[in-house]
C-alpha atoms as a PDB file:
ATOM      1  CA  MET A   1      26.852  62.468  78.773  1.00  0.00           C
ATOM      2  CA  GLY A   2      29.166  60.207  76.876  1.00  0.00           C
ATOM      3  CA  CYS A   3      26.681  58.462  74.584  1.00  0.00           C
ATOM      4  CA  THR A   4      25.317  58.984  71.118  1.00  0.00           C
ATOM      5  CA  HIS A   5      21.954  60.521  70.399  1.00  0.00           C
ATOM      6  CA  SER A   6      20.760  57.240  68.885  1.00  0.00           C
ATOM      7  CA  THR A   7      21.769  55.209  71.974  1.00  0.00           C
ATOM      8  CA  LEU A   8      19.808  57.540  74.215  1.00  0.00           C
ATOM      9  CA  SER A   9      16.846  57.545  71.835  1.00  0.00           C
ATOM     10  CA  TYR A  10      16.751  53.729  71.605  1.00  0.00           C
ATOM     11  CA  PHE A  11      16.825  53.478  75.392  1.00  0.00           C
ATOM     12  CA  LEU A  12      14.149  56.110  75.989  1.00  0.00           C
ATOM     13  CA  ASN A  13      11.904  54.473  73.394  1.00  0.00           C
ATOM     14  CA  GLY A  14      12.342  51.024  74.981  1.00  0.00           C
ATOM     15  CA  LYS A  15      14.207  49.510  72.028  1.00  0.00           C
ATOM     16  CA  GLN A  16      17.424  48.621  73.864  1.00  0.00           C
ATOM     17  CA  GLY A  17      18.947  48.610  77.302  1.00  0.00           C
ATOM     18  CA  ILE A  18      21.980  50.538  78.487  1.00  0.00           C
ATOM     19  CA  SER A  19      25.039  49.702  80.543  1.00  0.00           C
ATOM     20  CA  VAL A  20      25.005  50.059  84.306  1.00  0.00           C
ATOM     21  CA  GLU A  21      27.530  52.856  84.050  1.00  0.00           C
ATOM     22  CA  MET A  22      25.370  54.731  81.538  1.00  0.00           C
ATOM     23  CA  ALA A  23      22.245  54.203  83.668  1.00  0.00           C
ATOM     24  CA  ILE A  24      23.947  55.758  86.684  1.00  0.00           C
ATOM     25  CA  ARG A  25      25.193  58.725  84.631  1.00  0.00           C
ATOM     26  CA  LEU A  26      21.746  59.184  83.089  1.00  0.00           C
ATOM     27  CA  ALA A  27      20.070  59.097  86.505  1.00  0.00           C
ATOM     28  CA  LYS A  28      22.393  61.842  87.743  1.00  0.00           C
ATOM     29  CA  TRP A  29      21.864  63.894  84.582  1.00  0.00           C
ATOM     30  CA  LEU A  30      18.060  63.575  84.748  1.00  0.00           C
ATOM     31  CA  GLY A  31      17.942  64.032  88.511  1.00  0.00           C
ATOM     32  CA  GLN A  32      16.076  60.733  88.873  1.00  0.00           C
ATOM     33  CA  PRO A  33      16.620  57.916  91.366  1.00  0.00           C
ATOM     34  CA  ARG A  34      19.282  55.624  89.966  1.00  0.00           C
ATOM     35  CA  ASP A  35      17.321  52.474  90.839  1.00  0.00           C
ATOM     36  CA  THR A  36      14.515  53.632  88.534  1.00  0.00           C
ATOM     37  CA  ILE A  37      16.876  54.168  85.603  1.00  0.00           C
ATOM     38  CA  LEU A  38      18.748  50.925  86.339  1.00  0.00           C
ATOM     39  CA  ARG A  39      15.476  48.979  86.224  1.00  0.00           C
ATOM     40  CA  MET A  40      14.490  50.708  82.975  1.00  0.00           C
ATOM     41  CA  GLY A  41      17.859  49.725  81.534  1.00  0.00           C
ATOM     42  CA  GLY A  42      17.378  46.058  82.404  1.00  0.00           C
ATOM     43  CA  HIS A  43      19.566  46.026  85.513  1.00  0.00           C
ATOM     44  CA  ALA A  44      17.025  45.233  88.236  1.00  0.00           C
ATOM     45  CA  HIS A  45      19.551  42.968  89.983  1.00  0.00           C
ATOM     46  CA  ILE A  46      21.886  45.906  90.588  1.00  0.00           C
ATOM     47  CA  ALA A  47      18.985  48.163  91.574  1.00  0.00           C
ATOM     48  CA  ASN A  48      18.045  45.539  94.165  1.00  0.00           C
ATOM     49  CA  LEU A  49      21.588  45.478  95.520  1.00  0.00           C
ATOM     50  CA  LEU A  50      21.634  49.254  95.727  1.00  0.00           C
ATOM     51  CA  ALA A  51      18.262  49.223  97.489  1.00  0.00           C
ATOM     52  CA  GLU A  52      20.046  47.459 100.327  1.00  0.00           C
ATOM     53  CA  LYS A  53      21.836  50.762 100.904  1.00  0.00           C
ATOM     54  CA  ASN A  54      18.543  52.246 102.085  1.00  0.00           C
ATOM     55  CA  LYS A  55      18.556  49.742 104.937  1.00  0.00           C
ATOM     56  CA  THR A  56      21.822  51.372 106.044  1.00  0.00           C
ATOM     57  CA  THR A  57      23.564  48.141 106.866  1.00  0.00           C
ATOM     58  CA  PRO A  58      27.343  48.474 106.709  1.00  0.00           C
ATOM     59  CA  ALA A  59      27.573  45.747 104.058  1.00  0.00           C
ATOM     60  CA  ALA A  60      24.964  47.417 101.848  1.00  0.00           C
ATOM     61  CA  VAL A  61      26.723  50.778 102.028  1.00  0.00           C
ATOM     62  CA  GLU A  62      30.007  49.089 101.143  1.00  0.00           C
ATOM     63  CA  ILE A  63      28.442  47.297  98.143  1.00  0.00           C
ATOM     64  CA  SER A  64      27.071  50.586  96.859  1.00  0.00           C
ATOM     65  CA  LYS A  65      30.443  52.315  97.204  1.00  0.00           C
ATOM     66  CA  ILE A  66      32.202  49.481  95.403  1.00  0.00           C
ATOM     67  CA  LEU A  67      29.692  49.403  92.544  1.00  0.00           C
ATOM     68  CA  ASP A  68      29.768  53.179  92.095  1.00  0.00           C
ATOM     69  CA  GLY A  69      33.525  53.113  91.619  1.00  0.00           C
ATOM     70  CA  LEU A  70      33.680  50.288  89.068  1.00  0.00           C
ATOM     71  CA  PRO A  71      33.421  50.366  85.290  1.00  0.00           C
ATOM     72  CA  ALA A  72      30.345  48.641  83.820  1.00  0.00           C
ATOM     73  CA  ASN A  73      32.121  45.389  82.903  1.00  0.00           C
ATOM     74  CA  GLN A  74      33.497  44.991  86.413  1.00  0.00           C
ATOM     75  CA  GLN A  75      30.094  45.801  87.929  1.00  0.00           C
ATOM     76  CA  ARG A  76      28.557  42.990  85.880  1.00  0.00           C
ATOM     77  CA  ALA A  77      31.300  40.570  86.933  1.00  0.00           C
ATOM     78  CA  LEU A  78      30.839  41.431  90.614  1.00  0.00           C
ATOM     79  CA  VAL A  79      27.063  41.035  90.408  1.00  0.00           C
ATOM     80  CA  ALA A  80      27.488  37.656  88.669  1.00  0.00           C
ATOM     81  CA  TYR A  81      29.882  36.554  91.421  1.00  0.00           C
ATOM     82  CA  ILE A  82      27.432  37.655  94.135  1.00  0.00           C
ATOM     83  CA  ARG A  83      24.605  35.791  92.407  1.00  0.00           C
ATOM     84  CA  GLU A  84      26.674  32.599  92.403  1.00  0.00           C
ATOM     85  CA  MET A  85      27.457  33.006  96.100  1.00  0.00           C
ATOM     86  CA  VAL A  86      23.772  33.466  96.914  1.00  0.00           C
ATOM     87  CA  LYS A  87      22.811  30.357  94.912  1.00  0.00           C
ATOM     88  CA  GLU A  88      25.170  28.223  96.985  1.00  0.00           C
ATOM     89  CA  ASP A  89      23.476  29.176 100.295  1.00  0.00           C
END
């Protein structure tokens, strides 16, 4: 999976969060909905963005595609940028 045993253990025991990238990989590996694992990992904001995909709006589908293709640090930067845009409205 690309993580150490201790990282996975700490996450599963609620002692630390995981990156967005790791949460998505873990969701696939466990066969669980990725929004559930993202929320468990402390990334509810991204889970909320991905939930927009279920509404099947073109923008929501595009956001999901973009996030899926980005490394964790770029996902965080994009989410921070979106949050700032929303605050201004």
